[in-house]
Amino acid sequence: MIPSLVRYAGAEGSQAFKRAQTGLFGGAMKQYGNNVPHSKTKTRRTWLPNIQPKKLYSETLQRHIQTKITARTLKTVDKYGGLDAYLLNTKIKNLGDEGLRLRELVLNRKEQVLKQSQESGAIAS
């Protein structure tokens, strides 16, 4: 049950590297550079983000979500106070495809809860 997403204008650069693009990478990209030994002969190399598989709890969805997440983004999630706050307060260009999908799920669930509370309040009065 994956909702279809509208491509946001700020999400063009979300294809960072060849791994499956399903995770919270916080805008991390594959980086390029040189190995430079003592003899000064440079050889090209790449650096990949530090990606870890984790289960994060969403209070709005009331379930654990298994995702790939960079270590830096995991610290940011803790700083914001949870997965839901991170998804709602982070810039769209840093979320990537999986982050946008999770954000839509959280927003839809919050709207459902709000409608239910308004309906129950209307019935009670």
PDB file of N, CA and C in Angstrom:
ATOM      1  N   MET A   1       0.826  -1.164   0.000  1.00  0.00           N
ATOM      2  CA  MET A   1       0.000   0.000   0.000  1.00  0.00           C
ATOM      3  C   MET A   1       0.884   1.246   0.000  1.00  0.00           C
ATOM      4  N   ILE A   2       1.480   1.533  -1.145  1.00  0.00           N
ATOM      5  CA  ILE A   2       2.345   2.693  -1.280  1.00  0.00           C
ATOM      6  C   ILE A   2       1.581   3.763  -2.046  1.00  0.00           C
ATOM      7  N   PRO A   3       1.330   4.913  -1.403  1.00  0.00           N
ATOM      8  CA  PRO A   3       0.610   5.960  -2.113  1.00  0.00           C
ATOM      9  C   PRO A   3       1.489   6.555  -3.199  1.00  0.00           C
ATOM     10  N   SER A   4       0.858   6.950  -4.303  1.00  0.00           N
ATOM     11  CA  SER A   4       1.631   7.580  -5.364  1.00  0.00           C
ATOM     12  C   SER A   4       1.973   8.989  -4.933  1.00  0.00           C
ATOM     13  N   LEU A   5       3.148   9.418  -5.304  1.00  0.00           N
ATOM     14  CA  LEU A   5       3.632  10.722  -4.881  1.00  0.00           C
ATOM     15  C   LEU A   5       3.708  11.672  -6.058  1.00  0.00           C
ATOM     16  N   VAL A   6       3.412  12.908  -5.784  1.00  0.00           N
ATOM     17  CA  VAL A   6       3.640  13.950  -6.765  1.00  0.00           C
ATOM     18  C   VAL A   6       5.088  14.375  -6.598  1.00  0.00           C
ATOM     19  N   ARG A   7       5.802  14.500  -7.702  1.00  0.00           N
ATOM     20  CA  ARG A   7       7.196  14.926  -7.628  1.00  0.00           C
ATOM     21  C   ARG A   7       7.252  16.393  -7.210  1.00  0.00           C
ATOM     22  N   TYR A   8       7.995  16.683  -6.156  1.00  0.00           N
ATOM     23  CA  TYR A   8       8.136  18.049  -5.700  1.00  0.00           C
ATOM     24  C   TYR A   8       9.244  18.736  -6.489  1.00  0.00           C
ATOM     25  N   ALA A   9       9.133  20.040  -6.633  1.00  0.00           N
ATOM     26  CA  ALA A   9      10.095  20.796  -7.432  1.00  0.00           C
ATOM     27  C   ALA A   9      11.493  20.714  -6.828  1.00  0.00           C
ATOM     28  N   GLY A  10      11.609  20.632  -5.507  1.00  0.00           N
ATOM     29  CA  GLY A  10      12.906  20.610  -4.862  1.00  0.00           C
ATOM     30  C   GLY A  10      13.521  19.232  -4.753  1.00  0.00           C
ATOM     31  N   ALA A  11      12.915  18.201  -5.310  1.00  0.00           N
ATOM     32  CA  ALA A  11      13.387  16.830  -5.116  1.00  0.00           C
ATOM     33  C   ALA A  11      14.124  16.281  -6.336  1.00  0.00           C
ATOM     34  N   GLU A  12      14.659  17.163  -7.210  1.00  0.00           N
ATOM     35  CA  GLU A  12      15.317  16.657  -8.408  1.00  0.00           C
ATOM     36  C   GLU A  12      16.602  15.890  -8.086  1.00  0.00           C
ATOM     37  N   GLY A  13      17.383  16.361  -7.114  1.00  0.00           N
ATOM     38  CA  GLY A  13      18.679  15.767  -6.835  1.00  0.00           C
ATOM     39  C   GLY A  13      18.622  14.606  -5.864  1.00  0.00           C
ATOM     40  N   SER A  14      17.503  13.912  -5.755  1.00  0.00           N
ATOM     41  CA  SER A  14      17.370  12.890  -4.737  1.00  0.00           C
ATOM     42  C   SER A  14      18.006  11.566  -5.136  1.00  0.00           C
ATOM     43  N   GLN A  15      18.408  11.379  -6.385  1.00  0.00           N
ATOM     44  CA  GLN A  15      19.048  10.142  -6.810  1.00  0.00           C
ATOM     45  C   GLN A  15      20.539  10.239  -6.517  1.00  0.00           C
ATOM     46  N   ALA A  16      20.912   9.847  -5.313  1.00  0.00           N
ATOM     47  CA  ALA A  16      22.267  10.091  -4.839  1.00  0.00           C
ATOM     48  C   ALA A  16      23.257   9.033  -5.298  1.00  0.00           C
ATOM     49  N   PHE A  17      22.911   7.782  -5.235  1.00  0.00           N
ATOM     50  CA  PHE A  17      23.831   6.712  -5.598  1.00  0.00           C
ATOM     51  C   PHE A  17      23.034   5.492  -5.979  1.00  0.00           C
ATOM     52  N   LYS A  18      23.703   4.411  -6.397  1.00  0.00           N
ATOM     53  CA  LYS A  18      23.031   3.297  -7.043  1.00  0.00           C
ATOM     54  C   LYS A  18      22.296   2.346  -6.115  1.00  0.00           C
ATOM     55  N   ARG A  19      22.423   2.481  -4.815  1.00  0.00           N
ATOM     56  CA  ARG A  19      21.662   1.606  -3.925  1.00  0.00           C
ATOM     57  C   ARG A  19      20.183   1.862  -4.118  1.00  0.00           C
ATOM     58  N   ALA A  20      19.375   0.946  -3.670  1.00  0.00           N
ATOM     59  CA  ALA A  20      17.935   1.162  -3.754  1.00  0.00           C
ATOM     60  C   ALA A  20      17.605   2.465  -3.044  1.00  0.00           C
ATOM     61  N   GLN A  21      16.907   3.332  -3.715  1.00  0.00           N
ATOM     62  CA  GLN A  21      16.658   4.670  -3.200  1.00  0.00           C
ATOM     63  C   GLN A  21      15.537   4.672  -2.161  1.00  0.00           C
ATOM     64  N   THR A  22      15.509   3.704  -1.304  1.00  0.00           N
ATOM     65  CA  THR A  22      14.479   3.626  -0.277  1.00  0.00           C
ATOM     66  C   THR A  22      15.137   3.796   1.077  1.00  0.00           C
ATOM     67  N   GLY A  23      15.184   5.012   1.546  1.00  0.00           N
ATOM     68  CA  GLY A  23      15.766   5.255   2.844  1.00  0.00           C
ATOM     69  C   GLY A  23      15.788   6.732   3.154  1.00  0.00           C
ATOM     70  N   LEU A  24      16.181   7.047   4.377  1.00  0.00           N
ATOM     71  CA  LEU A  24      16.312   8.430   4.811  1.00  0.00           C
ATOM     72  C   LEU A  24      17.795   8.769   4.831  1.00  0.00           C
ATOM     73  N   PHE A  25      18.239   9.472   3.803  1.00  0.00           N
ATOM     74  CA  PHE A  25      19.660   9.737   3.645  1.00  0.00           C
ATOM     75  C   PHE A  25      20.029  11.172   4.007  1.00  0.00           C
ATOM     76  N   GLY A  26      19.062  12.023   4.258  1.00  0.00           N
ATOM     77  CA  GLY A  26      19.345  13.390   4.685  1.00  0.00           C
ATOM     78  C   GLY A  26      20.138  14.191   3.675  1.00  0.00           C
ATOM     79  N   GLY A  27      19.965  13.910   2.406  1.00  0.00           N
ATOM     80  CA  GLY A  27      20.685  14.637   1.374  1.00  0.00           C
ATOM     81  C   GLY A  27      22.097  14.135   1.137  1.00  0.00           C
ATOM     82  N   ALA A  28      22.488  13.037   1.779  1.00  0.00           N
ATOM     83  CA  ALA A  28      23.843  12.511   1.614  1.00  0.00           C
ATOM     84  C   ALA A  28      24.024  11.992   0.191  1.00  0.00           C
ATOM     85  N   MET A  29      25.185  12.267  -0.376  1.00  0.00           N
ATOM     86  CA  MET A  29      25.472  11.889  -1.744  1.00  0.00           C
ATOM     87  C   MET A  29      26.754  11.050  -1.784  1.00  0.00           C
ATOM     88  N   LYS A  30      26.923  10.340  -2.877  1.00  0.00           N
ATOM     89  CA  LYS A  30      28.174   9.648  -3.130  1.00  0.00           C
ATOM     90  C   LYS A  30      29.223  10.712  -3.428  1.00  0.00           C
ATOM     91  N   GLN A  31      30.386  10.617  -2.788  1.00  0.00           N
ATOM     92  CA  GLN A  31      31.431  11.609  -2.992  1.00  0.00           C
ATOM     93  C   GLN A  31      32.603  10.988  -3.717  1.00  0.00           C
ATOM     94  N   TYR A  32      33.296  11.817  -4.495  1.00  0.00           N
ATOM     95  CA  TYR A  32      34.423  11.364  -5.298  1.00  0.00           C
ATOM     96  C   TYR A  32      35.680  12.102  -4.882  1.00  0.00           C
ATOM     97  N   GLY A  33      36.816  11.429  -5.026  1.00  0.00           N
ATOM     98  CA  GLY A  33      38.082  12.054  -4.697  1.00  0.00           C
ATOM     99  C   GLY A  33      39.242  11.176  -5.125  1.00  0.00           C
ATOM    100  N   ASN A  34      40.396  11.419  -4.543  1.00  0.00           N
ATOM    101  CA  ASN A  34      41.612  10.702  -4.905  1.00  0.00           C
ATOM    102  C   ASN A  34      42.240  10.068  -3.679  1.00  0.00           C
ATOM    103  N   ASN A  35      42.823   8.882  -3.874  1.00  0.00           N
ATOM    104  CA  ASN A  35      43.769   8.338  -2.914  1.00  0.00           C
ATOM    105  C   ASN A  35      45.123   8.919  -3.276  1.00  0.00           C
ATOM    106  N   VAL A  36      45.841   9.476  -2.305  1.00  0.00           N
ATOM    107  CA  VAL A  36      47.137  10.078  -2.583  1.00  0.00           C
ATOM    108  C   VAL A  36      48.167   9.436  -1.647  1.00  0.00           C
ATOM    109  N   PRO A  37      48.945   8.475  -2.163  1.00  0.00           N
ATOM    110  CA  PRO A  37      49.967   7.846  -1.326  1.00  0.00           C
ATOM    111  C   PRO A  37      51.233   8.711  -1.264  1.00  0.00           C
ATOM    112  N   HIS A  38      52.263   8.184  -0.641  1.00  0.00           N
ATOM    113  CA  HIS A  38      53.528   8.895  -0.488  1.00  0.00           C
ATOM    114  C   HIS A  38      54.155   9.244  -1.837  1.00  0.00           C
ATOM    115  N   SER A  39      53.952   8.384  -2.833  1.00  0.00           N
ATOM    116  CA  SER A  39      54.549   8.626  -4.155  1.00  0.00           C
ATOM    117  C   SER A  39      53.773   9.657  -4.975  1.00  0.00           C
ATOM    118  N   LYS A  40      52.678  10.144  -4.462  1.00  0.00           N
ATOM    119  CA  LYS A  40      51.846  11.185  -5.072  1.00  0.00           C
ATOM    120  C   LYS A  40      51.145  10.760  -6.362  1.00  0.00           C
ATOM    121  N   THR A  41      51.051   9.454  -6.639  1.00  0.00           N
ATOM    122  CA  THR A  41      50.262   9.006  -7.787  1.00  0.00           C
ATOM    123  C   THR A  41      48.812   8.898  -7.340  1.00  0.00           C
ATOM    124  N   LYS A  42      47.971   9.712  -7.944  1.00  0.00           N
ATOM    125  CA  LYS A  42      46.578   9.795  -7.512  1.00  0.00           C
ATOM    126  C   LYS A  42      45.736   8.748  -8.226  1.00  0.00           C
ATOM    127  N   THR A  43      44.887   8.068  -7.474  1.00  0.00           N
ATOM    128  CA  THR A  43      43.925   7.133  -8.052  1.00  0.00           C
ATOM    129  C   THR A  43      42.538   7.522  -7.553  1.00  0.00           C
ATOM    130  N   ARG A  44      41.551   7.462  -8.454  1.00  0.00           N
ATOM    131  CA  ARG A  44      40.182   7.864  -8.117  1.00  0.00           C
ATOM    132  C   ARG A  44      39.532   6.863  -7.157  1.00  0.00           C
ATOM    133  N   ARG A  45      38.706   7.386  -6.286  1.00  0.00           N
ATOM    134  CA  ARG A  45      37.943   6.538  -5.385  1.00  0.00           C
ATOM    135  C   ARG A  45      36.642   7.238  -5.030  1.00  0.00           C
ATOM    136  N   THR A  46      35.734   6.495  -4.378  1.00  0.00           N
ATOM    137  CA  THR A  46      34.448   7.055  -3.968  1.00  0.00           C
ATOM    138  C   THR A  46      34.218   6.781  -2.485  1.00  0.00           C
ATOM    139  N   TRP A  47      33.405   7.627  -1.897  1.00  0.00           N
ATOM    140  CA  TRP A  47      32.972   7.439  -0.517  1.00  0.00           C
ATOM    141  C   TRP A  47      31.456   7.349  -0.504  1.00  0.00           C
ATOM    142  N   LEU A  48      30.922   6.313   0.122  1.00  0.00           N
ATOM    143  CA  LEU A  48      29.483   6.142   0.246  1.00  0.00           C
ATOM    144  C   LEU A  48      29.030   6.588   1.634  1.00  0.00           C
ATOM    145  N   PRO A  49      27.803   7.064   1.769  1.00  0.00           N
ATOM    146  CA  PRO A  49      27.292   7.443   3.091  1.00  0.00           C
ATOM    147  C   PRO A  49      27.226   6.240   4.032  1.00  0.00           C
ATOM    148  N   ASN A  50      27.283   6.522   5.327  1.00  0.00           N
ATOM    149  CA  ASN A  50      27.224   5.494   6.357  1.00  0.00           C
ATOM    150  C   ASN A  50      25.765   5.102   6.580  1.00  0.00           C
ATOM    151  N   ILE A  51      25.311   4.077   5.864  1.00  0.00           N
ATOM    152  CA  ILE A  51      23.901   3.689   5.890  1.00  0.00           C
ATOM    153  C   ILE A  51      23.714   2.455   6.779  1.00  0.00           C
ATOM    154  N   GLN A  52      22.714   2.543   7.665  1.00  0.00           N
ATOM    155  CA  GLN A  52      22.411   1.460   8.592  1.00  0.00           C
ATOM    156  C   GLN A  52      20.936   1.102   8.482  1.00  0.00           C
ATOM    157  N   PRO A  53      20.582  -0.181   8.498  1.00  0.00           N
ATOM    158  CA  PRO A  53      19.156  -0.538   8.553  1.00  0.00           C
ATOM    159  C   PRO A  53      18.636  -0.369   9.989  1.00  0.00           C
ATOM    160  N   LYS A  54      17.519   0.312  10.139  1.00  0.00           N
ATOM    161  CA  LYS A  54      16.950   0.572  11.468  1.00  0.00           C
ATOM    162  C   LYS A  54      15.433   0.451  11.424  1.00  0.00           C
ATOM    163  N   LYS A  55      14.852   0.174  12.585  1.00  0.00           N
ATOM    164  CA  LYS A  55      13.403   0.244  12.773  1.00  0.00           C
ATOM    165  C   LYS A  55      13.140   1.465  13.626  1.00  0.00           C
ATOM    166  N   LEU A  56      12.356   2.395  13.083  1.00  0.00           N
ATOM    167  CA  LEU A  56      12.010   3.614  13.793  1.00  0.00           C
ATOM    168  C   LEU A  56      10.519   3.612  14.076  1.00  0.00           C
ATOM    169  N   TYR A  57      10.133   4.096  15.244  1.00  0.00           N
ATOM    170  CA  TYR A  57       8.725   4.104  15.635  1.00  0.00           C
ATOM    171  C   TYR A  57       8.078   5.419  15.236  1.00  0.00           C
ATOM    172  N   SER A  58       6.940   5.327  14.578  1.00  0.00           N
ATOM    173  CA  SER A  58       6.142   6.499  14.219  1.00  0.00           C
ATOM    174  C   SER A  58       4.961   6.573  15.177  1.00  0.00           C
ATOM    175  N   GLU A  59       4.885   7.662  15.941  1.00  0.00           N
ATOM    176  CA  GLU A  59       3.793   7.825  16.903  1.00  0.00           C
ATOM    177  C   GLU A  59       2.464   8.054  16.192  1.00  0.00           C
ATOM    178  N   THR A  60       2.499   8.747  15.066  1.00  0.00           N
ATOM    179  CA  THR A  60       1.263   9.017  14.328  1.00  0.00           C
ATOM    180  C   THR A  60       0.704   7.748  13.710  1.00  0.00           C
ATOM    181  N   LEU A  61       1.571   6.963  13.078  1.00  0.00           N
ATOM    182  CA  LEU A  61       1.135   5.722  12.443  1.00  0.00           C
ATOM    183  C   LEU A  61       0.984   4.584  13.441  1.00  0.00           C
ATOM    184  N   GLN A  62       1.548   4.730  14.633  1.00  0.00           N
ATOM    185  CA  GLN A  62       1.514   3.751  15.716  1.00  0.00           C
ATOM    186  C   GLN A  62       2.075   2.401  15.292  1.00  0.00           C
ATOM    187  N   ARG A  63       3.219   2.449  14.625  1.00  0.00           N
ATOM    188  CA  ARG A  63       3.897   1.210  14.234  1.00  0.00           C
ATOM    189  C   ARG A  63       5.366   1.511  13.957  1.00  0.00           C
ATOM    190  N   HIS A  64       6.154   0.440  13.930  1.00  0.00           N
ATOM    191  CA  HIS A  64       7.566   0.564  13.577  1.00  0.00           C
ATOM    192  C   HIS A  64       7.714   0.560  12.065  1.00  0.00           C
ATOM    193  N   ILE A  65       8.646   1.364  11.579  1.00  0.00           N
ATOM    194  CA  ILE A  65       8.928   1.441  10.150  1.00  0.00           C
ATOM    195  C   ILE A  65      10.377   1.043   9.952  1.00  0.00           C
ATOM    196  N   GLN A  66      10.601   0.006   9.158  1.00  0.00           N
ATOM    197  CA  GLN A  66      11.962  -0.436   8.878  1.00  0.00           C
ATOM    198  C   GLN A  66      12.472   0.312   7.659  1.00  0.00           C
ATOM    199  N   THR A  67      13.612   0.962   7.801  1.00  0.00           N
ATOM    200  CA  THR A  67      14.162   1.763   6.724  1.00  0.00           C
ATOM    201  C   THR A  67      15.681   1.786   6.813  1.00  0.00           C
ATOM    202  N   LYS A  68      16.310   2.182   5.726  1.00  0.00           N
ATOM    203  CA  LYS A  68      17.746   2.442   5.727  1.00  0.00           C
ATOM    204  C   LYS A  68      17.929   3.916   6.040  1.00  0.00           C
ATOM    205  N   ILE A  69      18.873   4.220   6.919  1.00  0.00           N
ATOM    206  CA  ILE A  69      19.053   5.594   7.367  1.00  0.00           C
ATOM    207  C   ILE A  69      20.539   5.845   7.598  1.00  0.00           C
ATOM    208  N   THR A  70      21.007   7.040   7.262  1.00  0.00           N
ATOM    209  CA  THR A  70      22.400   7.368   7.517  1.00  0.00           C
ATOM    210  C   THR A  70      22.571   7.691   8.997  1.00  0.00           C
ATOM    211  N   ALA A  71      23.792   7.527   9.478  1.00  0.00           N
ATOM    212  CA  ALA A  71      24.073   7.784  10.891  1.00  0.00           C
ATOM    213  C   ALA A  71      23.807   9.251  11.231  1.00  0.00           C
ATOM    214  N   ARG A  72      24.139  10.153  10.320  1.00  0.00           N
ATOM    215  CA  ARG A  72      23.909  11.573  10.561  1.00  0.00           C
ATOM    216  C   ARG A  72      22.414  11.876  10.643  1.00  0.00           C
ATOM    217  N   THR A  73      21.625  11.261   9.780  1.00  0.00           N
ATOM    218  CA  THR A  73      20.185  11.479   9.801  1.00  0.00           C
ATOM    219  C   THR A  73      19.563  10.886  11.061  1.00  0.00           C
ATOM    220  N   LEU A  74      20.097   9.775  11.548  1.00  0.00           N
ATOM    221  CA  LEU A  74      19.599   9.181  12.782  1.00  0.00           C
ATOM    222  C   LEU A  74      19.795  10.139  13.959  1.00  0.00           C
ATOM    223  N   LYS A  75      20.931  10.831  13.989  1.00  0.00           N
ATOM    224  CA  LYS A  75      21.159  11.833  15.028  1.00  0.00           C
ATOM    225  C   LYS A  75      20.176  12.996  14.885  1.00  0.00           C
ATOM    226  N   THR A  76      19.863  13.357  13.644  1.00  0.00           N
ATOM    227  CA  THR A  76      18.919  14.445  13.400  1.00  0.00           C
ATOM    228  C   THR A  76      17.509  14.056  13.838  1.00  0.00           C
ATOM    229  N   VAL A  77      17.130  12.792  13.595  1.00  0.00           N
ATOM    230  CA  VAL A  77      15.820  12.305  14.039  1.00  0.00           C
ATOM    231  C   VAL A  77      15.728  12.401  15.559  1.00  0.00           C
ATOM    232  N   ASP A  78      16.780  12.017  16.265  1.00  0.00           N
ATOM    233  CA  ASP A  78      16.791  12.137  17.732  1.00  0.00           C
ATOM    234  C   ASP A  78      16.677  13.595  18.161  1.00  0.00           C
ATOM    235  N   LYS A  79      17.366  14.484  17.449  1.00  0.00           N
ATOM    236  CA  LYS A  79      17.339  15.907  17.775  1.00  0.00           C
ATOM    237  C   LYS A  79      15.929  16.485  17.634  1.00  0.00           C
ATOM    238  N   TYR A  80      15.222  16.090  16.578  1.00  0.00           N
ATOM    239  CA  TYR A  80      13.866  16.582  16.361  1.00  0.00           C
ATOM    240  C   TYR A  80      12.855  15.949  17.312  1.00  0.00           C
ATOM    241  N   GLY A  81      13.205  14.840  17.935  1.00  0.00           N
ATOM    242  CA  GLY A  81      12.306  14.217  18.904  1.00  0.00           C
ATOM    243  C   GLY A  81      11.474  13.087  18.338  1.00  0.00           C
ATOM    244  N   GLY A  82      11.887  12.505  17.242  1.00  0.00           N
ATOM    245  CA  GLY A  82      11.172  11.360  16.691  1.00  0.00           C
ATOM    246  C   GLY A  82      11.047  11.442  15.182  1.00  0.00           C
ATOM    247  N   LEU A  83      10.623  10.326  14.612  1.00  0.00           N
ATOM    248  CA  LEU A  83      10.521  10.213  13.159  1.00  0.00           C
ATOM    249  C   LEU A  83       9.483  11.171  12.588  1.00  0.00           C
ATOM    250  N   ASP A  84       8.328  11.285  13.234  1.00  0.00           N
ATOM    251  CA  ASP A  84       7.260  12.135  12.705  1.00  0.00           C
ATOM    252  C   ASP A  84       7.687  13.600  12.653  1.00  0.00           C
ATOM    253  N   ALA A  85       8.299  14.085  13.716  1.00  0.00           N
ATOM    254  CA  ALA A  85       8.754  15.481  13.745  1.00  0.00           C
ATOM    255  C   ALA A  85       9.828  15.717  12.687  1.00  0.00           C
ATOM    256  N   TYR A  86      10.715  14.741  12.497  1.00  0.00           N
ATOM    257  CA  TYR A  86      11.753  14.874  11.471  1.00  0.00           C
ATOM    258  C   TYR A  86      11.124  14.981  10.079  1.00  0.00           C
ATOM    259  N   LEU A  87      10.166  14.100   9.787  1.00  0.00           N
ATOM    260  CA  LEU A  87       9.551  14.098   8.460  1.00  0.00           C
ATOM    261  C   LEU A  87       8.781  15.387   8.187  1.00  0.00           C
ATOM    262  N   LEU A  88       8.147  15.940   9.203  1.00  0.00           N
ATOM    263  CA  LEU A  88       7.329  17.135   9.003  1.00  0.00           C
ATOM    264  C   LEU A  88       8.138  18.423   8.998  1.00  0.00           C
ATOM    265  N   ASN A  89       9.308  18.446   9.632  1.00  0.00           N
ATOM    266  CA  ASN A  89      10.073  19.689   9.771  1.00  0.00           C
ATOM    267  C   ASN A  89      11.310  19.770   8.884  1.00  0.00           C
ATOM    268  N   THR A  90      11.614  18.720   8.142  1.00  0.00           N
ATOM    269  CA  THR A  90      12.798  18.720   7.293  1.00  0.00           C
ATOM    270  C   THR A  90      12.444  19.238   5.907  1.00  0.00           C
ATOM    271  N   LYS A  91      13.402  19.902   5.273  1.00  0.00           N
ATOM    272  CA  LYS A  91      13.192  20.392   3.914  1.00  0.00           C
ATOM    273  C   LYS A  91      12.933  19.220   2.981  1.00  0.00           C
ATOM    274  N   ILE A  92      12.070  19.438   2.018  1.00  0.00           N
ATOM    275  CA  ILE A  92      11.652  18.370   1.112  1.00  0.00           C
ATOM    276  C   ILE A  92      12.828  17.831   0.307  1.00  0.00           C
ATOM    277  N   LYS A  93      13.765  18.688  -0.072  1.00  0.00           N
ATOM    278  CA  LYS A  93      14.884  18.234  -0.905  1.00  0.00           C
ATOM    279  C   LYS A  93      15.810  17.274  -0.143  1.00  0.00           C
ATOM    280  N   ASN A  94      15.776  17.283   1.172  1.00  0.00           N
ATOM    281  CA  ASN A  94      16.622  16.384   1.960  1.00  0.00           C
ATOM    282  C   ASN A  94      15.951  15.052   2.273  1.00  0.00           C
ATOM    283  N   LEU A  95      14.657  14.923   2.011  1.00  0.00           N
ATOM    284  CA  LEU A  95      13.945  13.695   2.377  1.00  0.00           C
ATOM    285  C   LEU A  95      14.144  12.572   1.366  1.00  0.00           C
ATOM    286  N   GLY A  96      14.163  12.857   0.090  1.00  0.00           N
ATOM    287  CA  GLY A  96      14.260  11.804  -0.912  1.00  0.00           C
ATOM    288  C   GLY A  96      12.910  11.124  -1.113  1.00  0.00           C
ATOM    289  N   ASP A  97      12.891  10.105  -1.952  1.00  0.00           N
ATOM    290  CA  ASP A  97      11.637   9.444  -2.312  1.00  0.00           C
ATOM    291  C   ASP A  97      10.976   8.752  -1.126  1.00  0.00           C
ATOM    292  N   GLU A  98      11.743   7.988  -0.362  1.00  0.00           N
ATOM    293  CA  GLU A  98      11.178   7.268   0.788  1.00  0.00           C
ATOM    294  C   GLU A  98      10.700   8.239   1.859  1.00  0.00           C
ATOM    295  N   GLY A  99      11.450   9.296   2.096  1.00  0.00           N
ATOM    296  CA  GLY A  99      11.042  10.296   3.073  1.00  0.00           C
ATOM    297  C   GLY A  99       9.755  10.995   2.681  1.00  0.00           C
ATOM    298  N   LEU A 100       9.603  11.287   1.384  1.00  0.00           N
ATOM    299  CA  LEU A 100       8.364  11.908   0.907  1.00  0.00           C
ATOM    300  C   LEU A 100       7.183  10.967   1.071  1.00  0.00           C
ATOM    301  N   ARG A 101       7.405   9.686   0.795  1.00  0.00           N
ATOM    302  CA  ARG A 101       6.338   8.700   0.946  1.00  0.00           C
ATOM    303  C   ARG A 101       5.904   8.609   2.404  1.00  0.00           C
ATOM    304  N   LEU A 102       6.868   8.538   3.327  1.00  0.00           N
ATOM    305  CA  LEU A 102       6.548   8.460   4.750  1.00  0.00           C
ATOM    306  C   LEU A 102       5.877   9.745   5.234  1.00  0.00           C
ATOM    307  N   ARG A 103       6.330  10.872   4.727  1.00  0.00           N
ATOM    308  CA  ARG A 103       5.731  12.156   5.098  1.00  0.00           C
ATOM    309  C   ARG A 103       4.253  12.197   4.700  1.00  0.00           C
ATOM    310  N   GLU A 104       3.942  11.728   3.490  1.00  0.00           N
ATOM    311  CA  GLU A 104       2.550  11.690   3.038  1.00  0.00           C
ATOM    312  C   GLU A 104       1.703  10.774   3.922  1.00  0.00           C
ATOM    313  N   LEU A 105       2.266   9.616   4.311  1.00  0.00           N
ATOM    314  CA  LEU A 105       1.534   8.713   5.201  1.00  0.00           C
ATOM    315  C   LEU A 105       1.222   9.380   6.538  1.00  0.00           C
ATOM    316  N   VAL A 106       2.200  10.083   7.092  1.00  0.00           N
ATOM    317  CA  VAL A 106       2.015  10.749   8.383  1.00  0.00           C
ATOM    318  C   VAL A 106       0.983  11.864   8.259  1.00  0.00           C
ATOM    319  N   LEU A 107       1.076  12.672   7.202  1.00  0.00           N
ATOM    320  CA  LEU A 107       0.119  13.767   7.018  1.00  0.00           C
ATOM    321  C   LEU A 107      -1.310  13.242   6.824  1.00  0.00           C
ATOM    322  N   ASN A 108      -1.451  12.176   6.028  1.00  0.00           N
ATOM    323  CA  ASN A 108      -2.782  11.603   5.807  1.00  0.00           C
ATOM    324  C   ASN A 108      -3.371  11.064   7.109  1.00  0.00           C
ATOM    325  N   ARG A 109      -2.544  10.396   7.904  1.00  0.00           N
ATOM    326  CA  ARG A 109      -3.018   9.841   9.174  1.00  0.00           C
ATOM    327  C   ARG A 109      -3.427  10.955  10.137  1.00  0.00           C
ATOM    328  N   LYS A 110      -2.652  12.057  10.167  1.00  0.00           N
ATOM    329  CA  LYS A 110      -2.999  13.177  11.035  1.00  0.00           C
ATOM    330  C   LYS A 110      -4.326  13.791  10.623  1.00  0.00           C
ATOM    331  N   GLU A 111      -4.568  13.883   9.310  1.00  0.00           N
ATOM    332  CA  GLU A 111      -5.854  14.409   8.830  1.00  0.00           C
ATOM    333  C   GLU A 111      -7.003  13.498   9.236  1.00  0.00           C
ATOM    334  N   GLN A 112      -6.809  12.174   9.154  1.00  0.00           N
ATOM    335  CA  GLN A 112      -7.845  11.225   9.552  1.00  0.00           C
ATOM    336  C   GLN A 112      -8.179  11.370  11.031  1.00  0.00           C
ATOM    337  N   VAL A 113      -7.160  11.473  11.852  1.00  0.00           N
ATOM    338  CA  VAL A 113      -7.363  11.608  13.299  1.00  0.00           C
ATOM    339  C   VAL A 113      -8.099  12.912  13.596  1.00  0.00           C
ATOM    340  N   LEU A 114      -7.733  13.989  12.894  1.00  0.00           N
ATOM    341  CA  LEU A 114      -8.388  15.282  13.106  1.00  0.00           C
ATOM    342  C   LEU A 114      -9.865  15.216  12.719  1.00  0.00           C
ATOM    343  N   LYS A 115     -10.168  14.574  11.589  1.00  0.00           N
ATOM    344  CA  LYS A 115     -11.566  14.426  11.164  1.00  0.00           C
ATOM    345  C   LYS A 115     -12.366  13.605  12.160  1.00  0.00           C
ATOM    346  N   GLN A 116     -11.756  12.518  12.648  1.00  0.00           N
ATOM    347  CA  GLN A 116     -12.449  11.670  13.622  1.00  0.00           C
ATOM    348  C   GLN A 116     -12.735  12.428  14.907  1.00  0.00           C
ATOM    349  N   SER A 117     -11.788  13.235  15.363  1.00  0.00           N
ATOM    350  CA  SER A 117     -11.995  13.986  16.598  1.00  0.00           C
ATOM    351  C   SER A 117     -13.066  15.063  16.403  1.00  0.00           C
ATOM    352  N   GLN A 118     -13.121  15.679  15.211  1.00  0.00           N
ATOM    353  CA  GLN A 118     -14.152  16.665  14.952  1.00  0.00           C
ATOM    354  C   GLN A 118     -15.526  16.029  14.868  1.00  0.00           C
ATOM    355  N   GLU A 119     -15.602  14.846  14.249  1.00  0.00           N
ATOM    356  CA  GLU A 119     -16.880  14.146  14.157  1.00  0.00           C
ATOM    357  C   GLU A 119     -17.374  13.706  15.532  1.00  0.00           C
ATOM    358  N   SER A 120     -16.474  13.194  16.344  1.00  0.00           N
ATOM    359  CA  SER A 120     -16.886  12.754  17.682  1.00  0.00           C
ATOM    360  C   SER A 120     -17.279  13.950  18.546  1.00  0.00           C
ATOM    361  N   GLY A 121     -16.633  15.090  18.318  1.00  0.00           N
ATOM    362  CA  GLY A 121     -17.022  16.303  19.047  1.00  0.00           C
ATOM    363  C   GLY A 121     -18.371  16.821  18.602  1.00  0.00           C
ATOM    364  N   ALA A 122     -18.693  16.669  17.310  1.00  0.00           N
ATOM    365  CA  ALA A 122     -19.982  17.116  16.803  1.00  0.00           C
ATOM    366  C   ALA A 122     -21.106  16.201  17.295  1.00  0.00           C
ATOM    367  N   ILE A 123     -20.824  14.922  17.421  1.00  0.00           N
ATOM    368  CA  ILE A 123     -21.820  13.972  17.903  1.00  0.00           C
ATOM    369  C   ILE A 123     -22.104  14.204  19.390  1.00  0.00           C
ATOM    370  N   ALA A 124     -21.078  14.485  20.173  1.00  0.00           N
ATOM    371  CA  ALA A 124     -21.236  14.678  21.609  1.00  0.00           C
ATOM    372  C   ALA A 124     -22.016  15.939  21.946  1.00  0.00           C
ATOM    373  N   SER A 125     -21.913  16.964  21.105  1.00  0.00           N
ATOM    374  CA  SER A 125     -22.617  18.226  21.433  1.00  0.00           C
ATOM    375  C   SER A 125     -23.966  18.344  20.806  1.00  0.00           C
TER     376      SER A 125
END
